[in-house]
Each structure stands twice: as C-alpha cells, then as structure tokens.
Amino acid sequence: MKPLHVILSVIGGAIAGAAVGLLVAPEKGETTRCKIAKILKEKGISLKKDKMEELVDEIEDQIDKHI
C-alpha cells in the first residue's frame, strides 16, 4: 500500500469511529444528529437531512452486522 492510502485509511477510520461513538451516545438521536450537522456546518460541510438520515442508517447497519 502506498503511504497516502494508509494515511487516508487511518483518517477515515477515525472519522467513522467518532461518528459511531456519537451515534451510540446516551442522548436522543435527533439531538446527536443536530450536533453532528452543526459541527459539519462549522467546518464548511453541508449535509441535507436526507443525507444525514442515510448516513445514520448505513452506520446502524454496519453496527448490526458486527454485533
């Protein structure tokens, strides 16, 4: 593997891990999704509500597969 691929893989894994950590937190899902959207908006990334719901569904599916 090229060093760039390794770095991108590590960064991608860290982002996915942080997202999963936030999504399984004890707060309501809606509150957590609003916080994620706010953080992304501050960084200049805009996710529409439909895309956020799709992301949540994908993460939930991945978690269910591993449990």
N, C-alpha and C. Protein backbone atom coordinates (compact mmCIF):
# COMPACT_ATOMS: atom_id res chain seq x y z
N MET A 1 0.83 -1.18 0.00
CA MET A 1 0.00 0.00 0.00
C MET A 1 0.87 1.25 0.00
N LYS A 2 0.40 2.23 -0.68
CA LYS A 2 1.12 3.50 -0.69
C LYS A 2 0.88 4.22 0.63
N PRO A 3 1.86 5.00 1.08
CA PRO A 3 1.72 5.72 2.34
C PRO A 3 0.48 6.61 2.38
N LEU A 4 0.12 7.21 1.26
CA LEU A 4 -1.06 8.07 1.22
C LEU A 4 -2.32 7.27 1.52
N HIS A 5 -2.41 6.05 0.99
CA HIS A 5 -3.58 5.21 1.25
C HIS A 5 -3.68 4.86 2.73
N VAL A 6 -2.54 4.61 3.34
CA VAL A 6 -2.53 4.28 4.77
C VAL A 6 -3.02 5.47 5.58
N ILE A 7 -2.53 6.64 5.26
CA ILE A 7 -2.93 7.86 5.98
C ILE A 7 -4.42 8.11 5.81
N LEU A 8 -4.90 8.00 4.57
CA LEU A 8 -6.33 8.22 4.33
C LEU A 8 -7.18 7.18 5.03
N SER A 9 -6.70 5.95 5.09
CA SER A 9 -7.43 4.89 5.79
C SER A 9 -7.53 5.19 7.28
N VAL A 10 -6.45 5.65 7.86
CA VAL A 10 -6.44 5.98 9.29
C VAL A 10 -7.39 7.14 9.57
N ILE A 11 -7.33 8.17 8.74
CA ILE A 11 -8.22 9.32 8.92
C ILE A 11 -9.68 8.90 8.75
N GLY A 12 -9.95 8.10 7.73
CA GLY A 12 -11.32 7.62 7.50
C GLY A 12 -11.82 6.79 8.66
N GLY A 13 -10.95 5.93 9.20
CA GLY A 13 -11.32 5.11 10.35
C GLY A 13 -11.59 5.95 11.59
N ALA A 14 -10.80 6.98 11.77
CA ALA A 14 -11.01 7.87 12.93
C ALA A 14 -12.34 8.60 12.82
N ILE A 15 -12.66 9.07 11.63
CA ILE A 15 -13.93 9.76 11.42
C ILE A 15 -15.10 8.81 11.64
N ALA A 16 -15.00 7.61 11.08
CA ALA A 16 -16.08 6.63 11.26
C ALA A 16 -16.23 6.25 12.73
N GLY A 17 -15.12 6.07 13.42
CA GLY A 17 -15.17 5.74 14.85
C GLY A 17 -15.80 6.84 15.67
N ALA A 18 -15.46 8.07 15.34
CA ALA A 18 -16.06 9.20 16.06
C ALA A 18 -17.56 9.28 15.79
N ALA A 19 -17.95 9.04 14.54
CA ALA A 19 -19.38 9.08 14.20
C ALA A 19 -20.14 7.99 14.94
N VAL A 20 -19.60 6.79 14.97
CA VAL A 20 -20.27 5.69 15.68
C VAL A 20 -20.35 6.01 17.17
N GLY A 21 -19.29 6.55 17.73
CA GLY A 21 -19.29 6.92 19.14
C GLY A 21 -20.36 7.94 19.46
N LEU A 22 -20.53 8.90 18.57
CA LEU A 22 -21.57 9.90 18.78
C LEU A 22 -22.97 9.31 18.63
N LEU A 23 -23.12 8.41 17.68
CA LEU A 23 -24.45 7.86 17.41
C LEU A 23 -24.92 6.88 18.48
N VAL A 24 -24.02 6.26 19.20
CA VAL A 24 -24.44 5.33 20.25
C VAL A 24 -24.38 5.99 21.63
N ALA A 25 -24.21 7.29 21.64
CA ALA A 25 -24.20 8.04 22.90
C ALA A 25 -25.59 8.01 23.53
N PRO A 26 -25.67 8.29 24.83
CA PRO A 26 -26.96 8.18 25.52
C PRO A 26 -27.97 9.27 25.21
N GLU A 27 -27.62 10.27 24.42
CA GLU A 27 -28.57 11.31 24.07
C GLU A 27 -29.52 10.83 22.98
N LYS A 28 -30.63 11.55 22.81
CA LYS A 28 -31.57 11.23 21.75
C LYS A 28 -30.85 11.34 20.41
N GLY A 29 -31.24 10.50 19.47
CA GLY A 29 -30.63 10.52 18.15
C GLY A 29 -30.79 11.84 17.44
N GLU A 30 -31.96 12.45 17.57
CA GLU A 30 -32.21 13.72 16.91
C GLU A 30 -31.26 14.80 17.42
N THR A 31 -31.05 14.81 18.74
CA THR A 31 -30.13 15.79 19.33
C THR A 31 -28.72 15.57 18.83
N THR A 32 -28.31 14.31 18.78
CA THR A 32 -26.97 13.98 18.32
C THR A 32 -26.79 14.34 16.86
N ARG A 33 -27.78 14.04 16.03
CA ARG A 33 -27.68 14.37 14.60
C ARG A 33 -27.59 15.88 14.40
N CYS A 34 -28.32 16.64 15.20
CA CYS A 34 -28.24 18.10 15.10
C CYS A 34 -26.83 18.59 15.46
N LYS A 35 -26.25 17.98 16.48
CA LYS A 35 -24.88 18.35 16.87
C LYS A 35 -23.89 18.03 15.76
N ILE A 36 -24.04 16.85 15.15
CA ILE A 36 -23.14 16.46 14.05
C ILE A 36 -23.29 17.45 12.90
N ALA A 37 -24.53 17.77 12.55
CA ALA A 37 -24.76 18.71 11.44
C ALA A 37 -24.16 20.08 11.75
N LYS A 38 -24.27 20.52 13.00
CA LYS A 38 -23.71 21.82 13.39
C LYS A 38 -22.19 21.82 13.27
N ILE A 39 -21.55 20.74 13.74
CA ILE A 39 -20.09 20.64 13.65
C ILE A 39 -19.65 20.64 12.19
N LEU A 40 -20.35 19.86 11.35
CA LEU A 40 -20.00 19.81 9.94
C LEU A 40 -20.21 21.16 9.27
N LYS A 41 -21.28 21.86 9.64
CA LYS A 41 -21.56 23.17 9.05
C LYS A 41 -20.46 24.16 9.42
N GLU A 42 -19.98 24.09 10.67
CA GLU A 42 -18.88 24.97 11.10
C GLU A 42 -17.62 24.73 10.29
N LYS A 43 -17.44 23.49 9.83
CA LYS A 43 -16.26 23.14 9.04
C LYS A 43 -16.50 23.35 7.55
N GLY A 44 -17.68 23.86 7.19
CA GLY A 44 -17.98 24.16 5.80
C GLY A 44 -18.56 22.99 5.02
N ILE A 45 -18.98 21.94 5.71
CA ILE A 45 -19.56 20.78 5.07
C ILE A 45 -21.06 20.82 5.31
N SER A 46 -21.83 20.76 4.24
CA SER A 46 -23.28 20.85 4.37
C SER A 46 -23.91 19.50 4.03
N LEU A 47 -24.61 18.91 4.99
CA LEU A 47 -25.35 17.68 4.76
C LEU A 47 -26.83 17.99 4.89
N LYS A 48 -27.58 17.58 3.90
CA LYS A 48 -29.03 17.75 4.00
C LYS A 48 -29.57 16.68 4.92
N LYS A 49 -30.76 16.91 5.44
CA LYS A 49 -31.36 15.99 6.41
C LYS A 49 -31.48 14.58 5.82
N ASP A 50 -31.84 14.48 4.55
CA ASP A 50 -31.96 13.16 3.92
C ASP A 50 -30.62 12.43 3.92
N LYS A 51 -29.55 13.15 3.62
CA LYS A 51 -28.22 12.55 3.59
C LYS A 51 -27.80 12.12 5.00
N MET A 52 -28.14 12.93 6.00
CA MET A 52 -27.80 12.59 7.38
C MET A 52 -28.52 11.32 7.80
N GLU A 53 -29.80 11.21 7.44
CA GLU A 53 -30.57 10.01 7.78
C GLU A 53 -29.98 8.79 7.08
N GLU A 54 -29.56 8.96 5.84
CA GLU A 54 -28.95 7.87 5.09
C GLU A 54 -27.64 7.42 5.75
N LEU A 55 -26.84 8.38 6.19
CA LEU A 55 -25.59 8.08 6.88
C LEU A 55 -25.86 7.33 8.17
N VAL A 56 -26.85 7.76 8.93
CA VAL A 56 -27.21 7.10 10.18
C VAL A 56 -27.64 5.66 9.91
N ASP A 57 -28.46 5.46 8.88
CA ASP A 57 -28.92 4.11 8.54
C ASP A 57 -27.76 3.20 8.16
N GLU A 58 -26.82 3.73 7.39
CA GLU A 58 -25.65 2.94 7.00
C GLU A 58 -24.82 2.53 8.21
N ILE A 59 -24.61 3.45 9.11
CA ILE A 59 -23.82 3.16 10.31
C ILE A 59 -24.54 2.13 11.18
N GLU A 60 -25.86 2.29 11.33
CA GLU A 60 -26.63 1.32 12.12
C GLU A 60 -26.54 -0.07 11.51
N ASP A 61 -26.62 -0.16 10.18
CA ASP A 61 -26.50 -1.45 9.52
C ASP A 61 -25.14 -2.09 9.78
N GLN A 62 -24.08 -1.29 9.72
CA GLN A 62 -22.74 -1.81 9.97
C GLN A 62 -22.59 -2.29 11.41
N ILE A 63 -23.17 -1.55 12.34
CA ILE A 63 -23.10 -1.95 13.75
C ILE A 63 -23.85 -3.25 13.96
N ASP A 64 -25.04 -3.36 13.36
CA ASP A 64 -25.84 -4.59 13.50
C ASP A 64 -25.11 -5.81 12.95
N LYS A 65 -24.37 -5.62 11.86
CA LYS A 65 -23.62 -6.73 11.27
C LYS A 65 -22.53 -7.24 12.20
N HIS A 66 -21.94 -6.35 12.97
CA HIS A 66 -20.82 -6.71 13.84
C HIS A 66 -21.24 -7.15 15.23
N ILE A 67 -22.51 -7.01 15.55
CA ILE A 67 -22.96 -7.40 16.90
C ILE A 67 -23.53 -8.80 16.86
